[in-house]
Amino acid sequence: METLDTLTSISDSDATLISDEAQVIDKLNLVIREVHDQIGITENLSDVLTSGLDFLQSIYNNKLQDKNNLLSEKNNTLQGYNN
């Protein structure tokens, strides 16, 4: 995001920092759009990865709960033998 802010600041500044020729400004605006698009893609990918990790975590938690239930049943059976 800092890159986008920097490019936008350069684009909006005076001609002493960057040429005010239309071709240069157009190229800078193209770079700004590309950086903005890449940020959007990165945010979308992050959302996809997060939802995938949430899904995997829920599968793991369900399996862990199943194992815990199985162990509780076996523990109850063993206690029944001891009584």
N, C-alpha and C. Protein backbone atom coordinates (compact mmCIF):
# COMPACT_ATOMS: atom_id res chain seq x y z
N MET A 1 0.82 -1.18 0.00
CA MET A 1 0.00 0.00 0.00
C MET A 1 0.87 1.25 0.00
N GLU A 2 2.01 1.19 0.66
CA GLU A 2 2.91 2.35 0.68
C GLU A 2 3.41 2.67 -0.72
N THR A 3 3.63 1.63 -1.53
CA THR A 3 4.07 1.85 -2.90
C THR A 3 3.02 2.63 -3.68
N LEU A 4 1.77 2.24 -3.52
CA LEU A 4 0.68 2.94 -4.21
C LEU A 4 0.59 4.39 -3.74
N ASP A 5 0.73 4.60 -2.43
CA ASP A 5 0.69 5.97 -1.90
C ASP A 5 1.84 6.80 -2.46
N THR A 6 3.02 6.21 -2.53
CA THR A 6 4.19 6.92 -3.06
C THR A 6 4.00 7.27 -4.53
N LEU A 7 3.54 6.30 -5.31
CA LEU A 7 3.33 6.56 -6.73
C LEU A 7 2.27 7.64 -6.94
N THR A 8 1.21 7.60 -6.16
CA THR A 8 0.16 8.61 -6.28
C THR A 8 0.70 9.98 -5.89
N SER A 9 1.52 10.04 -4.86
CA SER A 9 2.11 11.31 -4.45
C SER A 9 3.02 11.89 -5.54
N ILE A 10 3.80 11.01 -6.15
CA ILE A 10 4.67 11.46 -7.23
C ILE A 10 3.82 11.97 -8.39
N SER A 11 2.78 11.24 -8.71
CA SER A 11 1.92 11.62 -9.82
C SER A 11 1.25 12.97 -9.58
N ASP A 12 0.91 13.27 -8.35
CA ASP A 12 0.21 14.51 -8.02
C ASP A 12 1.15 15.68 -7.73
N SER A 13 2.45 15.43 -7.71
CA SER A 13 3.38 16.50 -7.33
C SER A 13 3.72 17.39 -8.53
N ASP A 14 4.61 18.35 -8.28
CA ASP A 14 4.91 19.31 -9.35
C ASP A 14 5.95 18.75 -10.32
N ALA A 15 6.16 19.49 -11.41
CA ALA A 15 7.01 19.03 -12.50
C ALA A 15 8.49 19.02 -12.15
N THR A 16 8.88 19.53 -10.99
CA THR A 16 10.30 19.49 -10.63
C THR A 16 10.71 18.09 -10.19
N LEU A 17 9.76 17.28 -9.71
CA LEU A 17 10.09 15.91 -9.31
C LEU A 17 9.97 14.93 -10.46
N ILE A 18 9.03 15.18 -11.35
CA ILE A 18 8.80 14.28 -12.47
C ILE A 18 8.34 15.12 -13.66
N SER A 19 8.67 14.66 -14.82
CA SER A 19 8.29 15.40 -16.03
C SER A 19 6.78 15.53 -16.11
N ASP A 20 6.34 16.66 -16.64
CA ASP A 20 4.90 16.87 -16.80
C ASP A 20 4.43 16.50 -18.20
N GLU A 21 5.28 15.79 -18.94
CA GLU A 21 4.89 15.33 -20.27
C GLU A 21 3.77 14.30 -20.13
N ALA A 22 2.83 14.36 -21.03
CA ALA A 22 1.66 13.47 -20.99
C ALA A 22 2.07 12.00 -21.04
N GLN A 23 3.08 11.69 -21.85
CA GLN A 23 3.52 10.31 -21.98
C GLN A 23 4.07 9.78 -20.65
N VAL A 24 4.83 10.59 -19.95
CA VAL A 24 5.39 10.17 -18.65
C VAL A 24 4.27 10.00 -17.63
N ILE A 25 3.34 10.95 -17.61
CA ILE A 25 2.21 10.88 -16.68
C ILE A 25 1.36 9.64 -16.98
N ASP A 26 1.14 9.35 -18.26
CA ASP A 26 0.36 8.17 -18.65
C ASP A 26 1.04 6.88 -18.18
N LYS A 27 2.36 6.81 -18.36
CA LYS A 27 3.09 5.62 -17.91
C LYS A 27 3.02 5.48 -16.40
N LEU A 28 3.14 6.58 -15.68
CA LEU A 28 3.05 6.53 -14.22
C LEU A 28 1.66 6.10 -13.79
N ASN A 29 0.64 6.61 -14.46
CA ASN A 29 -0.73 6.20 -14.14
C ASN A 29 -0.96 4.71 -14.43
N LEU A 30 -0.32 4.21 -15.47
CA LEU A 30 -0.40 2.79 -15.78
C LEU A 30 0.22 1.96 -14.65
N VAL A 31 1.37 2.39 -14.17
CA VAL A 31 2.02 1.69 -13.06
C VAL A 31 1.13 1.74 -11.81
N ILE A 32 0.52 2.89 -11.56
CA ILE A 32 -0.37 3.03 -10.41
C ILE A 32 -1.54 2.04 -10.52
N ARG A 33 -2.13 1.95 -11.71
CA ARG A 33 -3.26 1.00 -11.91
C ARG A 33 -2.80 -0.44 -11.71
N GLU A 34 -1.62 -0.77 -12.23
CA GLU A 34 -1.11 -2.13 -12.07
C GLU A 34 -0.86 -2.46 -10.60
N VAL A 35 -0.28 -1.53 -9.86
CA VAL A 35 -0.04 -1.76 -8.44
C VAL A 35 -1.37 -1.92 -7.71
N HIS A 36 -2.33 -1.08 -8.05
CA HIS A 36 -3.66 -1.17 -7.44
C HIS A 36 -4.30 -2.53 -7.74
N ASP A 37 -4.19 -2.99 -8.99
CA ASP A 37 -4.74 -4.30 -9.37
C ASP A 37 -4.04 -5.43 -8.61
N GLN A 38 -2.73 -5.33 -8.47
CA GLN A 38 -1.98 -6.36 -7.75
C GLN A 38 -2.39 -6.40 -6.28
N ILE A 39 -2.63 -5.24 -5.70
CA ILE A 39 -3.10 -5.20 -4.30
C ILE A 39 -4.46 -5.89 -4.20
N GLY A 40 -5.35 -5.62 -5.15
CA GLY A 40 -6.66 -6.27 -5.16
C GLY A 40 -6.55 -7.78 -5.28
N ILE A 41 -5.69 -8.24 -6.17
CA ILE A 41 -5.48 -9.68 -6.35
C ILE A 41 -4.94 -10.30 -5.07
N THR A 42 -4.00 -9.62 -4.44
CA THR A 42 -3.42 -10.11 -3.19
C THR A 42 -4.47 -10.21 -2.09
N GLU A 43 -5.34 -9.20 -2.00
CA GLU A 43 -6.40 -9.23 -1.00
C GLU A 43 -7.36 -10.39 -1.25
N ASN A 44 -7.70 -10.62 -2.53
CA ASN A 44 -8.58 -11.73 -2.86
C ASN A 44 -7.94 -13.07 -2.54
N LEU A 45 -6.67 -13.21 -2.88
CA LEU A 45 -5.95 -14.45 -2.59
C LEU A 45 -5.88 -14.68 -1.08
N SER A 46 -5.67 -13.63 -0.34
CA SER A 46 -5.64 -13.75 1.11
C SER A 46 -6.98 -14.25 1.64
N ASP A 47 -8.08 -13.73 1.09
CA ASP A 47 -9.41 -14.19 1.51
C ASP A 47 -9.61 -15.67 1.18
N VAL A 48 -9.17 -16.08 -0.01
CA VAL A 48 -9.31 -17.49 -0.41
C VAL A 48 -8.50 -18.38 0.52
N LEU A 49 -7.26 -17.99 0.80
CA LEU A 49 -6.42 -18.79 1.69
C LEU A 49 -6.99 -18.86 3.09
N THR A 50 -7.54 -17.74 3.57
CA THR A 50 -8.14 -17.72 4.90
C THR A 50 -9.32 -18.67 4.98
N SER A 51 -10.20 -18.63 3.97
CA SER A 51 -11.35 -19.51 4.01
C SER A 51 -10.92 -20.97 3.89
N GLY A 52 -9.90 -21.24 3.09
CA GLY A 52 -9.36 -22.61 2.99
C GLY A 52 -8.80 -23.09 4.31
N LEU A 53 -8.08 -22.22 5.00
CA LEU A 53 -7.53 -22.59 6.30
C LEU A 53 -8.63 -22.80 7.33
N ASP A 54 -9.67 -21.97 7.27
CA ASP A 54 -10.81 -22.16 8.18
C ASP A 54 -11.47 -23.52 7.93
N PHE A 55 -11.62 -23.87 6.66
CA PHE A 55 -12.21 -25.16 6.30
C PHE A 55 -11.36 -26.31 6.83
N LEU A 56 -10.04 -26.24 6.61
CA LEU A 56 -9.15 -27.29 7.11
C LEU A 56 -9.17 -27.37 8.63
N GLN A 57 -9.24 -26.22 9.28
CA GLN A 57 -9.30 -26.20 10.74
C GLN A 57 -10.57 -26.87 11.24
N SER A 58 -11.69 -26.64 10.56
CA SER A 58 -12.94 -27.27 10.99
C SER A 58 -12.88 -28.79 10.80
N ILE A 59 -12.27 -29.26 9.71
CA ILE A 59 -12.10 -30.70 9.51
C ILE A 59 -11.23 -31.28 10.62
N TYR A 60 -10.13 -30.61 10.91
CA TYR A 60 -9.22 -31.06 11.97
C TYR A 60 -9.95 -31.11 13.31
N ASN A 61 -10.71 -30.06 13.62
CA ASN A 61 -11.43 -30.01 14.90
C ASN A 61 -12.47 -31.13 14.98
N ASN A 62 -13.15 -31.40 13.87
CA ASN A 62 -14.14 -32.49 13.87
C ASN A 62 -13.48 -33.84 14.10
N LYS A 63 -12.36 -34.09 13.44
CA LYS A 63 -11.63 -35.35 13.64
C LYS A 63 -11.12 -35.45 15.07
N LEU A 64 -10.63 -34.35 15.59
CA LEU A 64 -10.14 -34.34 16.97
C LEU A 64 -11.28 -34.64 17.94
N GLN A 65 -12.44 -34.06 17.69
CA GLN A 65 -13.60 -34.31 18.54
C GLN A 65 -14.03 -35.77 18.44
N ASP A 66 -14.00 -36.34 17.24
CA ASP A 66 -14.33 -37.76 17.07
C ASP A 66 -13.38 -38.64 17.87
N LYS A 67 -12.10 -38.34 17.80
CA LYS A 67 -11.10 -39.13 18.56
C LYS A 67 -11.33 -38.97 20.06
N ASN A 68 -11.65 -37.75 20.48
CA ASN A 68 -11.91 -37.50 21.89
C ASN A 68 -13.14 -38.30 22.36
N ASN A 69 -14.18 -38.33 21.53
CA ASN A 69 -15.38 -39.09 21.86
C ASN A 69 -15.07 -40.58 21.95
N LEU A 70 -14.27 -41.08 21.02
CA LEU A 70 -13.88 -42.49 21.03
C LEU A 70 -13.10 -42.83 22.29
N LEU A 71 -12.17 -41.96 22.66
CA LEU A 71 -11.39 -42.20 23.88
C LEU A 71 -12.28 -42.15 25.12
N SER A 72 -13.26 -41.27 25.13
CA SER A 72 -14.18 -41.20 26.27
C SER A 72 -15.00 -42.49 26.38
N GLU A 73 -15.44 -43.01 25.24
CA GLU A 73 -16.19 -44.27 25.25
C GLU A 73 -15.33 -45.42 25.77
N LYS A 74 -14.09 -45.47 25.32
CA LYS A 74 -13.18 -46.54 25.77
C LYS A 74 -12.89 -46.39 27.25
N ASN A 75 -12.75 -45.15 27.69
CA ASN A 75 -12.51 -44.90 29.10
C ASN A 75 -13.71 -45.35 29.94
N ASN A 76 -14.90 -45.05 29.46
CA ASN A 76 -16.11 -45.48 30.17
C ASN A 76 -16.20 -47.01 30.21
N THR A 77 -15.83 -47.66 29.11
CA THR A 77 -15.85 -49.13 29.07
C THR A 77 -14.86 -49.69 30.09
N LEU A 78 -13.67 -49.12 30.14
CA LEU A 78 -12.66 -49.60 31.10
C LEU A 78 -13.11 -49.37 32.54
N GLN A 79 -13.75 -48.25 32.80
CA GLN A 79 -14.26 -48.00 34.14
C GLN A 79 -15.35 -49.00 34.50
N GLY A 80 -16.13 -49.39 33.51
CA GLY A 80 -17.18 -50.39 33.73
C GLY A 80 -16.55 -51.73 34.10
N TYR A 81 -15.42 -52.09 33.50
CA TYR A 81 -14.75 -53.33 33.84
C TYR A 81 -14.17 -53.28 35.25
N ASN A 82 -13.71 -52.10 35.64
CA ASN A 82 -13.10 -51.95 36.96
C ASN A 82 -14.14 -51.99 38.08
N ASN A 83 -15.36 -51.68 37.76
CA ASN A 83 -16.42 -51.70 38.79
C ASN A 83 -16.98 -53.07 38.86
